[in-house]
Amino acid sequence: MTSVTQPKLHHLALTVTDLDASVQWYGEVFGVQPVLDVPHEGGVGRILTDADRQLMIALHHHDTNDGALCKETVTGLDHAGFAVGSRADLEQWQDHLEAHGVIRADTADKPLTQSPIADEPYASVLVFRDQDNIQLELFAPAQH
C-alpha cells in the first residue's frame, strides 16, 4: 500500500424491511442501542452502537423497499464478519443466538437460522442470519 493511513471499519450499514423489529433484534443480539436517526430522501437510517462505540451498525429503511429478503447471489452485500477471541466464545454465541430466536440448523440458509461451528484451517466460524436473511458470521482464531 502507498503512504495513506490504513482505514478501519467505521460502521456497517444494512437495509432492512422492518426498522423497529431490526433495531430490537440487533440491540438484543449485539448489545447496541439507538443513538441517532439520520433521515435521508425516501427513508431513515438509525445508528446503533455499544457504550464505547467500538461496534456501530446503521439500519436503513427505504420507503420503496419491496420487502424481499436479502440474497447473496445478487450484487451488494454478501455477508458481514465479526471477530471473537476463541472457539469457546463461538459456543457461547450459539446459545446467545438461540435465546434470541436464531435456531440451530444443518445450514444457515434461511432467516433466523445458525449453522454448526465450522473448524476451518483459517478460523472457526459460526454463520447465522437475521430476520431479513442477511448473513452474519463470527470468526475465532483457528485452533492448532
N, C-alpha and C. Protein backbone atom coordinates (compact mmCIF):
# COMPACT_ATOMS: atom_id res chain seq x y z
N MET A 1 0.83 -1.18 0.00
CA MET A 1 0.00 0.00 0.00
C MET A 1 0.88 1.25 0.00
N THR A 2 0.36 2.33 -0.51
CA THR A 2 1.10 3.59 -0.51
C THR A 2 1.17 4.15 0.89
N SER A 3 1.48 5.42 1.01
CA SER A 3 1.68 6.02 2.32
C SER A 3 0.39 6.48 2.99
N VAL A 4 -0.76 6.14 2.44
CA VAL A 4 -2.01 6.53 3.09
C VAL A 4 -2.24 5.68 4.34
N THR A 5 -2.97 6.22 5.28
CA THR A 5 -3.30 5.50 6.51
C THR A 5 -4.26 4.36 6.22
N GLN A 6 -3.98 3.19 6.76
CA GLN A 6 -4.86 2.04 6.59
C GLN A 6 -6.17 2.30 7.32
N PRO A 7 -7.31 2.27 6.63
CA PRO A 7 -8.57 2.54 7.32
C PRO A 7 -9.03 1.36 8.17
N LYS A 8 -9.86 1.66 9.16
CA LYS A 8 -10.55 0.64 9.95
C LYS A 8 -12.04 0.78 9.65
N LEU A 9 -12.76 -0.30 9.78
CA LEU A 9 -14.19 -0.24 9.54
C LEU A 9 -14.84 0.69 10.57
N HIS A 10 -15.60 1.65 10.10
CA HIS A 10 -16.27 2.61 10.97
C HIS A 10 -17.65 2.11 11.37
N HIS A 11 -18.42 1.63 10.39
CA HIS A 11 -19.75 1.11 10.67
C HIS A 11 -20.19 0.17 9.57
N LEU A 12 -21.20 -0.60 9.87
CA LEU A 12 -21.83 -1.49 8.92
C LEU A 12 -23.24 -0.97 8.70
N ALA A 13 -23.63 -0.72 7.45
CA ALA A 13 -24.97 -0.20 7.16
C ALA A 13 -25.75 -1.27 6.40
N LEU A 14 -26.93 -1.57 6.88
CA LEU A 14 -27.78 -2.61 6.29
C LEU A 14 -29.16 -2.04 6.02
N THR A 15 -29.75 -2.42 4.90
CA THR A 15 -31.13 -2.07 4.61
C THR A 15 -32.02 -3.19 5.13
N VAL A 16 -33.05 -2.83 5.88
CA VAL A 16 -33.94 -3.81 6.50
C VAL A 16 -35.39 -3.52 6.11
N THR A 17 -36.24 -4.52 6.25
CA THR A 17 -37.64 -4.34 5.88
C THR A 17 -38.47 -3.74 7.02
N ASP A 18 -38.15 -4.07 8.26
CA ASP A 18 -38.90 -3.58 9.42
C ASP A 18 -37.90 -2.97 10.39
N LEU A 19 -37.78 -1.66 10.36
CA LEU A 19 -36.77 -0.96 11.15
C LEU A 19 -36.90 -1.24 12.64
N ASP A 20 -38.09 -1.13 13.19
CA ASP A 20 -38.27 -1.33 14.63
C ASP A 20 -37.91 -2.75 15.05
N ALA A 21 -38.34 -3.74 14.28
CA ALA A 21 -38.02 -5.13 14.61
C ALA A 21 -36.52 -5.38 14.51
N SER A 22 -35.87 -4.80 13.50
CA SER A 22 -34.43 -4.99 13.34
C SER A 22 -33.65 -4.27 14.43
N VAL A 23 -34.08 -3.08 14.83
CA VAL A 23 -33.42 -2.36 15.92
C VAL A 23 -33.48 -3.21 17.19
N GLN A 24 -34.62 -3.80 17.46
CA GLN A 24 -34.76 -4.64 18.65
C GLN A 24 -33.84 -5.86 18.55
N TRP A 25 -33.86 -6.56 17.41
CA TRP A 25 -33.07 -7.79 17.25
C TRP A 25 -31.58 -7.50 17.34
N TYR A 26 -31.08 -6.53 16.58
CA TYR A 26 -29.66 -6.20 16.62
C TYR A 26 -29.26 -5.69 18.00
N GLY A 27 -30.15 -4.96 18.65
CA GLY A 27 -29.87 -4.49 20.00
C GLY A 27 -29.69 -5.63 20.97
N GLU A 28 -30.60 -6.61 20.92
CA GLU A 28 -30.52 -7.76 21.82
C GLU A 28 -29.32 -8.65 21.50
N VAL A 29 -29.07 -8.89 20.21
CA VAL A 29 -28.01 -9.82 19.82
C VAL A 29 -26.62 -9.21 20.00
N PHE A 30 -26.42 -7.97 19.60
CA PHE A 30 -25.09 -7.36 19.62
C PHE A 30 -24.89 -6.36 20.75
N GLY A 31 -25.90 -6.10 21.57
CA GLY A 31 -25.74 -5.17 22.67
C GLY A 31 -25.52 -3.74 22.22
N VAL A 32 -26.16 -3.35 21.12
CA VAL A 32 -26.07 -1.99 20.62
C VAL A 32 -27.41 -1.30 20.81
N GLN A 33 -27.36 0.02 21.01
CA GLN A 33 -28.56 0.79 21.26
C GLN A 33 -28.65 1.95 20.27
N PRO A 34 -29.88 2.36 19.92
CA PRO A 34 -30.03 3.51 19.02
C PRO A 34 -29.49 4.79 19.66
N VAL A 35 -28.73 5.54 18.87
CA VAL A 35 -28.20 6.81 19.36
C VAL A 35 -28.57 7.99 18.47
N LEU A 36 -29.00 7.70 17.23
CA LEU A 36 -29.25 8.79 16.30
C LEU A 36 -30.05 8.30 15.11
N ASP A 37 -31.03 9.10 14.69
CA ASP A 37 -31.73 8.86 13.43
C ASP A 37 -31.17 9.82 12.40
N VAL A 38 -30.91 9.31 11.20
CA VAL A 38 -30.38 10.12 10.12
C VAL A 38 -31.38 10.03 8.96
N PRO A 39 -32.28 11.01 8.86
CA PRO A 39 -33.23 10.99 7.74
C PRO A 39 -32.50 11.16 6.42
N HIS A 40 -32.98 10.47 5.41
CA HIS A 40 -32.46 10.63 4.06
C HIS A 40 -33.65 10.61 3.11
N GLU A 41 -33.43 11.00 1.90
CA GLU A 41 -34.53 11.03 0.94
C GLU A 41 -35.16 9.65 0.84
N GLY A 42 -36.45 9.57 1.11
CA GLY A 42 -37.17 8.31 0.99
C GLY A 42 -36.98 7.35 2.14
N GLY A 43 -36.54 7.82 3.29
CA GLY A 43 -36.38 6.90 4.41
C GLY A 43 -35.59 7.47 5.55
N VAL A 44 -35.05 6.55 6.35
CA VAL A 44 -34.28 6.95 7.54
C VAL A 44 -33.25 5.88 7.85
N GLY A 45 -32.12 6.32 8.37
CA GLY A 45 -31.11 5.42 8.91
C GLY A 45 -31.10 5.57 10.42
N ARG A 46 -31.04 4.48 11.14
CA ARG A 46 -30.97 4.53 12.60
C ARG A 46 -29.60 3.96 13.00
N ILE A 47 -28.83 4.76 13.71
CA ILE A 47 -27.49 4.38 14.13
C ILE A 47 -27.57 3.71 15.49
N LEU A 48 -26.98 2.52 15.59
CA LEU A 48 -26.91 1.78 16.85
C LEU A 48 -25.44 1.58 17.18
N THR A 49 -25.10 1.68 18.47
CA THR A 49 -23.71 1.46 18.87
C THR A 49 -23.67 0.92 20.29
N ASP A 50 -22.52 0.35 20.64
CA ASP A 50 -22.32 -0.09 22.02
C ASP A 50 -21.82 1.09 22.84
N ALA A 51 -21.68 0.90 24.13
CA ALA A 51 -21.36 2.00 25.04
C ALA A 51 -20.03 2.68 24.71
N ASP A 52 -19.04 1.93 24.27
CA ASP A 52 -17.74 2.54 23.97
C ASP A 52 -17.54 2.81 22.47
N ARG A 53 -18.61 2.67 21.71
CA ARG A 53 -18.61 2.97 20.26
C ARG A 53 -17.57 2.19 19.48
N GLN A 54 -17.38 0.94 19.87
CA GLN A 54 -16.47 0.07 19.14
C GLN A 54 -17.19 -0.70 18.03
N LEU A 55 -18.49 -0.89 18.19
CA LEU A 55 -19.31 -1.55 17.18
C LEU A 55 -20.45 -0.61 16.82
N MET A 56 -20.52 -0.24 15.54
CA MET A 56 -21.58 0.67 15.10
C MET A 56 -22.28 0.04 13.89
N ILE A 57 -23.60 -0.06 14.00
CA ILE A 57 -24.43 -0.63 12.94
C ILE A 57 -25.49 0.40 12.58
N ALA A 58 -25.60 0.68 11.29
CA ALA A 58 -26.63 1.59 10.80
C ALA A 58 -27.69 0.75 10.08
N LEU A 59 -28.91 0.83 10.56
CA LEU A 59 -30.02 0.12 9.93
C LEU A 59 -30.85 1.13 9.14
N HIS A 60 -31.05 0.84 7.87
CA HIS A 60 -31.75 1.77 6.99
C HIS A 60 -33.10 1.21 6.56
N HIS A 61 -34.08 2.09 6.57
CA HIS A 61 -35.38 1.77 5.99
C HIS A 61 -35.60 2.71 4.81
N HIS A 62 -36.00 2.13 3.68
CA HIS A 62 -36.31 2.91 2.49
C HIS A 62 -37.79 2.71 2.19
N ASP A 63 -38.51 3.82 1.98
CA ASP A 63 -39.95 3.74 1.71
C ASP A 63 -40.28 2.87 0.51
N THR A 64 -39.36 2.74 -0.43
CA THR A 64 -39.60 1.96 -1.64
C THR A 64 -39.22 0.49 -1.48
N ASN A 65 -38.80 0.07 -0.28
CA ASN A 65 -38.41 -1.32 -0.06
C ASN A 65 -39.60 -2.23 -0.35
N ASP A 66 -39.38 -3.24 -1.17
CA ASP A 66 -40.48 -4.14 -1.56
C ASP A 66 -40.65 -5.33 -0.62
N GLY A 67 -39.84 -5.40 0.44
CA GLY A 67 -39.98 -6.47 1.42
C GLY A 67 -39.27 -7.76 1.07
N ALA A 68 -38.56 -7.79 -0.06
CA ALA A 68 -37.83 -9.00 -0.45
C ALA A 68 -36.68 -9.26 0.52
N LEU A 69 -36.39 -10.54 0.74
CA LEU A 69 -35.28 -10.91 1.61
C LEU A 69 -33.95 -10.73 0.90
N CYS A 70 -32.89 -10.56 1.67
CA CYS A 70 -31.53 -10.43 1.14
C CYS A 70 -31.09 -11.74 0.49
N LYS A 71 -30.33 -11.62 -0.60
CA LYS A 71 -29.76 -12.79 -1.28
C LYS A 71 -28.32 -12.47 -1.65
N GLU A 72 -27.40 -13.38 -1.32
CA GLU A 72 -26.00 -13.17 -1.64
C GLU A 72 -25.73 -13.26 -3.14
N THR A 73 -26.65 -13.83 -3.90
CA THR A 73 -26.41 -14.07 -5.32
C THR A 73 -26.68 -12.87 -6.21
N VAL A 74 -27.04 -11.73 -5.61
CA VAL A 74 -27.20 -10.51 -6.39
C VAL A 74 -26.14 -9.51 -5.93
N THR A 75 -25.85 -8.53 -6.77
CA THR A 75 -24.84 -7.55 -6.43
C THR A 75 -25.21 -6.81 -5.16
N GLY A 76 -24.26 -6.66 -4.27
CA GLY A 76 -24.48 -5.99 -2.99
C GLY A 76 -23.80 -6.76 -1.88
N LEU A 77 -24.31 -6.65 -0.69
CA LEU A 77 -23.71 -7.30 0.46
C LEU A 77 -23.78 -8.82 0.34
N ASP A 78 -22.66 -9.49 0.54
CA ASP A 78 -22.65 -10.95 0.61
C ASP A 78 -22.84 -11.37 2.06
N HIS A 79 -22.03 -10.86 2.96
CA HIS A 79 -22.18 -11.11 4.38
C HIS A 79 -21.28 -10.16 5.16
N ALA A 80 -21.46 -10.12 6.47
CA ALA A 80 -20.59 -9.34 7.35
C ALA A 80 -19.97 -10.29 8.36
N GLY A 81 -18.67 -10.14 8.60
CA GLY A 81 -17.95 -10.99 9.53
C GLY A 81 -17.45 -10.21 10.73
N PHE A 82 -17.58 -10.81 11.92
CA PHE A 82 -17.16 -10.20 13.17
C PHE A 82 -16.17 -11.14 13.86
N ALA A 83 -15.23 -10.58 14.59
CA ALA A 83 -14.22 -11.38 15.28
C ALA A 83 -14.56 -11.55 16.75
N VAL A 84 -14.31 -12.76 17.26
CA VAL A 84 -14.36 -13.04 18.69
C VAL A 84 -13.04 -13.70 19.07
N GLY A 85 -12.76 -13.82 20.35
CA GLY A 85 -11.45 -14.26 20.80
C GLY A 85 -11.15 -15.73 20.71
N SER A 86 -12.18 -16.59 20.83
CA SER A 86 -11.90 -18.03 20.91
C SER A 86 -13.10 -18.85 20.43
N ARG A 87 -12.84 -20.13 20.21
CA ARG A 87 -13.92 -21.04 19.84
C ARG A 87 -14.94 -21.14 20.97
N ALA A 88 -14.48 -21.06 22.20
CA ALA A 88 -15.40 -21.08 23.35
C ALA A 88 -16.37 -19.90 23.26
N ASP A 89 -15.90 -18.75 22.77
CA ASP A 89 -16.79 -17.61 22.57
C ASP A 89 -17.87 -17.95 21.55
N LEU A 90 -17.49 -18.66 20.50
CA LEU A 90 -18.47 -19.07 19.48
C LEU A 90 -19.54 -19.97 20.11
N GLU A 91 -19.12 -20.87 20.97
CA GLU A 91 -20.07 -21.76 21.63
C GLU A 91 -21.05 -20.97 22.49
N GLN A 92 -20.56 -19.94 23.16
CA GLN A 92 -21.46 -19.08 23.95
C GLN A 92 -22.41 -18.32 23.02
N TRP A 93 -21.89 -17.89 21.87
CA TRP A 93 -22.74 -17.19 20.91
C TRP A 93 -23.85 -18.09 20.39
N GLN A 94 -23.59 -19.39 20.21
CA GLN A 94 -24.66 -20.29 19.76
C GLN A 94 -25.85 -20.22 20.71
N ASP A 95 -25.59 -20.30 22.00
CA ASP A 95 -26.67 -20.23 22.99
C ASP A 95 -27.31 -18.85 23.00
N HIS A 96 -26.48 -17.81 22.92
CA HIS A 96 -26.98 -16.43 22.91
C HIS A 96 -27.92 -16.21 21.72
N LEU A 97 -27.51 -16.67 20.56
CA LEU A 97 -28.34 -16.52 19.36
C LEU A 97 -29.64 -17.29 19.50
N GLU A 98 -29.54 -18.51 20.00
CA GLU A 98 -30.74 -19.33 20.19
C GLU A 98 -31.72 -18.64 21.14
N ALA A 99 -31.20 -17.99 22.18
CA ALA A 99 -32.06 -17.27 23.13
C ALA A 99 -32.76 -16.09 22.48
N HIS A 100 -32.24 -15.65 21.31
CA HIS A 100 -32.84 -14.53 20.58
C HIS A 100 -33.49 -14.98 19.28
N GLY A 101 -33.93 -16.24 19.26
CA GLY A 101 -34.75 -16.72 18.16
C GLY A 101 -34.01 -17.24 16.95
N VAL A 102 -32.69 -17.39 17.03
CA VAL A 102 -31.91 -17.90 15.90
C VAL A 102 -31.68 -19.39 16.13
N ILE A 103 -32.46 -20.22 15.45
CA ILE A 103 -32.46 -21.66 15.72
C ILE A 103 -31.27 -22.35 15.07
N ARG A 104 -30.84 -23.43 15.71
CA ARG A 104 -29.74 -24.24 15.17
C ARG A 104 -30.28 -25.10 14.03
N ALA A 105 -29.50 -25.17 12.97
CA ALA A 105 -29.89 -25.94 11.79
C ALA A 105 -28.64 -26.55 11.17
N ASP A 106 -28.83 -27.42 10.19
CA ASP A 106 -27.68 -28.00 9.49
C ASP A 106 -26.91 -26.94 8.72
N THR A 107 -27.63 -25.96 8.17
CA THR A 107 -27.02 -24.83 7.48
C THR A 107 -27.83 -23.58 7.79
N ALA A 108 -27.17 -22.45 7.76
CA ALA A 108 -27.86 -21.17 7.96
C ALA A 108 -28.30 -20.69 6.59
N ASP A 109 -29.44 -21.21 6.13
CA ASP A 109 -29.86 -20.91 4.76
C ASP A 109 -31.22 -20.21 4.67
N LYS A 110 -31.75 -19.79 5.82
CA LYS A 110 -32.99 -19.02 5.82
C LYS A 110 -32.99 -18.12 7.05
N PRO A 111 -33.90 -17.15 7.10
CA PRO A 111 -33.90 -16.20 8.21
C PRO A 111 -33.93 -16.87 9.58
N LEU A 112 -33.18 -16.27 10.50
CA LEU A 112 -33.11 -16.68 11.90
C LEU A 112 -32.69 -18.14 12.09
N THR A 113 -31.68 -18.55 11.31
CA THR A 113 -31.05 -19.86 11.50
C THR A 113 -29.56 -19.66 11.74
N GLN A 114 -28.95 -20.65 12.38
CA GLN A 114 -27.50 -20.67 12.58
C GLN A 114 -26.97 -22.05 12.23
N SER A 115 -25.78 -22.08 11.66
CA SER A 115 -25.14 -23.35 11.30
C SER A 115 -24.33 -23.86 12.49
N PRO A 116 -23.90 -25.11 12.43
CA PRO A 116 -22.93 -25.56 13.42
C PRO A 116 -21.62 -24.79 13.23
N ILE A 117 -20.79 -24.76 14.25
CA ILE A 117 -19.48 -24.12 14.13
C ILE A 117 -18.63 -24.96 13.18
N ALA A 118 -18.02 -24.29 12.20
CA ALA A 118 -17.13 -24.95 11.26
C ALA A 118 -15.69 -24.64 11.66
N ASP A 119 -14.90 -25.68 11.88
CA ASP A 119 -13.49 -25.50 12.22
C ASP A 119 -12.68 -25.63 10.93
N GLU A 120 -12.32 -24.50 10.38
CA GLU A 120 -11.57 -24.43 9.12
C GLU A 120 -10.10 -24.15 9.42
N PRO A 121 -9.21 -24.39 8.47
CA PRO A 121 -7.78 -24.11 8.71
C PRO A 121 -7.51 -22.64 9.04
N TYR A 122 -8.33 -21.74 8.54
CA TYR A 122 -8.10 -20.30 8.73
C TYR A 122 -8.82 -19.74 9.95
N ALA A 123 -9.84 -20.42 10.46
CA ALA A 123 -10.62 -19.92 11.60
C ALA A 123 -11.73 -20.90 11.94
N SER A 124 -12.30 -20.74 13.13
CA SER A 124 -13.56 -21.39 13.47
C SER A 124 -14.65 -20.36 13.19
N VAL A 125 -15.73 -20.81 12.53
CA VAL A 125 -16.72 -19.87 12.01
C VAL A 125 -18.12 -20.31 12.40
N LEU A 126 -18.90 -19.34 12.88
CA LEU A 126 -20.32 -19.55 13.16
C LEU A 126 -21.11 -18.63 12.23
N VAL A 127 -21.92 -19.22 11.36
CA VAL A 127 -22.72 -18.46 10.39
C VAL A 127 -24.15 -18.40 10.89
N PHE A 128 -24.76 -17.20 10.79
CA PHE A 128 -26.18 -17.06 11.16
C PHE A 128 -26.80 -15.96 10.32
N ARG A 129 -28.14 -15.88 10.36
CA ARG A 129 -28.87 -14.91 9.55
C ARG A 129 -29.87 -14.14 10.40
N ASP A 130 -30.06 -12.87 10.03
CA ASP A 130 -31.07 -12.06 10.71
C ASP A 130 -32.43 -12.31 10.08
N GLN A 131 -33.45 -11.57 10.51
CA GLN A 131 -34.81 -11.79 10.01
C GLN A 131 -34.99 -11.39 8.55
N ASP A 132 -34.06 -10.59 7.99
CA ASP A 132 -34.11 -10.22 6.58
C ASP A 132 -33.22 -11.13 5.73
N ASN A 133 -32.71 -12.20 6.32
CA ASN A 133 -31.87 -13.19 5.66
C ASN A 133 -30.45 -12.68 5.41
N ILE A 134 -30.05 -11.59 6.05
CA ILE A 134 -28.68 -11.09 5.91
C ILE A 134 -27.76 -12.03 6.67
N GLN A 135 -26.75 -12.54 5.95
CA GLN A 135 -25.81 -13.48 6.56
C GLN A 135 -24.77 -12.74 7.38
N LEU A 136 -24.59 -13.18 8.62
CA LEU A 136 -23.61 -12.64 9.55
C LEU A 136 -22.72 -13.80 9.99
N GLU A 137 -21.45 -13.51 10.22
CA GLU A 137 -20.53 -14.56 10.62
C GLU A 137 -19.67 -14.10 11.78
N LEU A 138 -19.39 -15.03 12.69
CA LEU A 138 -18.46 -14.79 13.79
C LEU A 138 -17.24 -15.68 13.58
N PHE A 139 -16.05 -15.08 13.67
CA PHE A 139 -14.79 -15.78 13.43
C PHE A 139 -13.99 -15.81 14.71
N ALA A 140 -13.40 -16.97 15.02
CA ALA A 140 -12.44 -17.11 16.12
C ALA A 140 -11.15 -17.65 15.52
N PRO A 141 -10.00 -17.32 16.11
CA PRO A 141 -8.74 -17.83 15.58
C PRO A 141 -8.76 -19.35 15.45
N ALA A 142 -8.09 -19.85 14.42
CA ALA A 142 -8.03 -21.29 14.19
C ALA A 142 -7.33 -21.98 15.35
N GLN A 143 -7.81 -23.18 15.66
CA GLN A 143 -7.16 -23.98 16.70
C GLN A 143 -6.09 -24.81 16.04
N HIS A 144 -4.91 -24.82 16.63
CA HIS A 144 -3.80 -25.60 16.04
C HIS A 144 -3.36 -26.68 16.98
